Protein backbone atom coordinates (compact mmCIF):
# COMPACT_ATOMS: atom_id res chain seq x y z
CA MET A 1 9.61 -41.45 -1.20
CA ALA A 2 11.29 -38.49 1.05
CA ASP A 3 9.30 -37.06 3.51
CA VAL A 4 7.15 -34.30 2.32
CA ASN A 5 6.20 -31.65 4.38
CA PRO A 6 2.34 -31.10 4.94
CA ILE A 7 2.47 -27.41 5.29
CA PRO A 8 5.13 -25.88 2.35
CA GLU A 9 8.07 -23.73 3.26
CA HIS A 10 7.46 -21.09 0.87
CA TYR A 11 3.47 -20.64 1.65
CA PRO A 12 1.94 -19.52 5.23
CA GLN A 13 -0.01 -21.58 6.84
CA LEU A 14 -3.22 -19.00 6.41
CA THR A 15 -3.79 -17.31 3.33
CA PRO A 16 -7.15 -15.87 1.79
CA TYR A 17 -8.29 -16.68 -1.60
CA LEU A 18 -10.00 -13.82 -3.24
CA VAL A 19 -12.72 -14.51 -6.02
CA ILE A 20 -12.79 -11.68 -8.27
CA ASP A 21 -14.67 -10.85 -11.39
CA GLY A 22 -11.84 -9.10 -13.33
CA ALA A 23 -8.69 -10.81 -11.78
CA GLU A 24 -6.62 -9.17 -14.17
CA ALA A 25 -7.61 -5.76 -13.04
CA ALA A 26 -7.39 -6.42 -9.69
CA ILE A 27 -3.50 -8.05 -10.07
CA ALA A 28 -2.61 -4.57 -10.85
CA PHE A 29 -4.50 -3.01 -8.26
CA TYR A 30 -2.74 -4.79 -5.39
CA GLY A 31 0.28 -4.37 -7.27
CA THR A 32 0.02 -1.07 -7.54
CA VAL A 33 -1.90 0.18 -3.85
CA PHE A 34 -0.05 -2.77 -2.09
CA GLY A 35 3.07 -2.97 -3.42
CA ALA A 36 2.17 -7.10 -4.20
CA SER A 37 4.08 -8.99 -6.66
CA GLU A 38 2.99 -11.93 -9.09
CA ARG A 39 4.56 -15.33 -7.53
CA VAL A 40 2.23 -17.43 -9.99
CA ARG A 41 -0.21 -16.95 -12.58
CA LEU A 42 -2.22 -19.60 -14.46
CA PRO A 43 -4.54 -18.39 -16.99
CA MET A 44 -7.50 -20.01 -18.83
CA PRO A 45 -7.65 -20.22 -22.63
CA ASP A 46 -10.07 -16.90 -22.67
CA GLY A 47 -7.50 -14.86 -20.93
CA THR A 48 -9.49 -15.32 -17.48
CA VAL A 49 -7.34 -16.19 -14.39
CA ALA A 50 -7.73 -19.69 -13.09
CA HIS A 51 -5.41 -19.05 -10.12
CA CYS A 52 -2.80 -16.21 -9.12
CA GLU A 53 -0.23 -15.98 -5.75
CA LEU A 54 0.25 -12.59 -4.93
CA GLN A 55 3.13 -11.81 -2.73
CA LEU A 56 2.89 -9.07 -0.15
CA GLY A 57 5.51 -9.01 2.52
CA ASN A 58 5.81 -12.00 4.03
CA SER A 59 2.08 -12.99 3.52
CA LEU A 60 0.35 -14.27 0.34
CA ILE A 61 -2.82 -13.69 -1.71
CA MET A 62 -4.60 -16.25 -4.31
CA LEU A 63 -7.44 -15.14 -6.53
CA SER A 64 -8.81 -16.11 -9.40
CA ASP A 65 -12.01 -15.07 -11.69
CA PRO A 66 -15.13 -16.79 -10.51
CA PHE A 67 -15.85 -19.74 -12.51
CA PRO A 68 -19.18 -21.03 -13.44
CA GLY A 69 -21.04 -23.79 -11.75
CA SER A 70 -18.01 -22.82 -8.58
CA ALA A 71 -19.34 -22.22 -5.15
CA ALA A 72 -17.29 -19.84 -4.75
CA LYS A 73 -18.83 -16.09 -5.36
CA THR A 74 -17.50 -12.73 -5.66
CA PRO A 75 -18.72 -10.20 -2.93
CA LYS A 76 -20.79 -8.72 -6.05
CA GLU A 77 -22.65 -11.80 -6.16
CA LEU A 78 -23.26 -12.27 -2.87
CA GLY A 79 -24.52 -8.61 -2.48
CA GLY A 80 -21.29 -8.08 -0.17
CA THR A 81 -18.69 -9.79 2.05
CA PRO A 82 -18.22 -10.19 5.87
CA VAL A 83 -14.78 -10.35 5.76
CA THR A 84 -12.31 -7.61 5.90
CA LEU A 85 -8.68 -8.15 5.07
CA SER A 86 -6.49 -6.22 7.62
CA VAL A 87 -2.61 -5.47 6.37
CA TYR A 88 -0.20 -3.31 8.20
CA VAL A 89 1.61 -1.39 5.70
CA GLU A 90 4.91 1.23 6.02
CA ASP A 91 2.79 4.54 5.57
CA VAL A 92 -1.08 3.64 5.90
CA ASP A 93 -2.19 7.22 4.68
CA GLU A 94 -0.10 7.03 1.61
CA VAL A 95 -1.41 3.21 0.45
CA PHE A 96 -4.79 4.45 1.64
CA ASP A 97 -4.96 7.52 -0.38
CA ARG A 98 -3.81 5.36 -3.26
CA ALA A 99 -6.20 2.88 -3.21
CA LEU A 100 -8.98 5.92 -3.38
CA GLN A 101 -7.17 6.97 -6.66
CA GLU A 102 -7.01 3.25 -7.95
CA GLY A 103 -10.59 3.20 -7.42
CA ALA A 104 -11.44 2.00 -4.01
CA THR A 105 -13.80 3.74 -1.76
CA ALA A 106 -13.42 4.72 1.88
CA ILE A 107 -15.54 3.20 4.20
CA ARG A 108 -13.80 4.61 7.50
CA PRO A 109 -10.83 7.33 6.98
CA VAL A 110 -7.47 6.62 8.50
CA GLU A 111 -7.39 8.04 12.09
CA ASP A 112 -5.28 6.98 15.17
CA GLN A 113 -6.22 4.35 17.26
CA PHE A 114 -6.56 4.02 21.17
CA TYR A 115 -5.31 0.25 20.15
CA GLY A 116 -1.42 1.52 19.21
CA ASP A 117 -1.92 1.42 15.32
CA ARG A 118 -2.91 4.33 12.96
CA SER A 119 -5.85 2.42 9.79
CA GLY A 120 -8.51 3.14 7.73
CA GLN A 121 -11.22 0.75 6.16
CA PHE A 122 -11.57 0.84 2.07
CA GLU A 123 -13.69 -1.14 -0.11
CA ASP A 124 -11.05 -2.32 -3.49
CA PRO A 125 -13.15 -1.53 -7.03
CA PHE A 126 -13.68 -5.85 -6.49
CA GLY A 127 -15.87 -5.75 -3.76
CA HIS A 128 -13.24 -6.70 -1.13
CA ARG A 129 -12.68 -4.41 2.46
CA TRP A 130 -10.01 -3.70 3.45
CA SER A 131 -8.16 -2.59 7.06
CA VAL A 132 -4.96 -1.11 6.42
CA GLN A 133 -2.77 0.24 9.39
CA SER A 134 0.61 1.56 10.30
CA HIS A 135 1.66 0.55 14.51
CA ILE A 136 2.57 4.09 15.51
CA GLU A 137 2.76 3.19 19.44
CA ASP A 138 3.40 0.17 21.96
CA VAL A 139 0.55 -0.41 24.09
CA SER A 140 0.11 -2.69 26.99
CA ALA A 141 -3.07 -5.09 27.51
CA GLU A 142 -3.44 -3.20 30.38
CA GLU A 143 -3.19 -0.03 28.91
CA ILE A 144 -5.58 -0.90 26.11
CA GLN A 145 -8.66 -2.08 28.56
CA ARG A 146 -8.49 1.37 30.11
CA ARG A 147 -8.36 3.25 26.76
CA MET A 148 -11.45 1.25 25.68
CA ALA A 149 -13.26 1.93 28.78
CA SER A 150 -12.45 5.21 29.01
CA GLN A 151 -14.19 5.32 25.23
CA GLY A 152 -17.49 3.89 27.00
CA GLY A 153 -16.82 0.41 25.11
């Protein structure tokens, strides 16, 4: 038997797996907003999504519809999410605006941050929270600490 890499080369070591009521619509949303492309889709006979893999730059998002009896719940079933998905994009303003046009809700507007990014947060129509950012300035760890302290943080 050949040696098998326990971490497949075409998979990142950490990949979020989102449970989404309306996975089909989410696949379209992430494609429109982020430019994510579908790698794999395993449909159920009733048309729901058992598993889907979306390529987003050098990252991967896995998702599925919820299934009765599963311990995995959607953010809406849980009354919210404690997790924010963070993604770097070429043009944060464009991606943020596109997300809102596609039905996302703004949580924090896009603004320049003291640590060198321009970022904002939104909740997608499926209850998942996203922080989107573009890096606009290289800032040393010492300068980040100084800037944070000057803000009273």
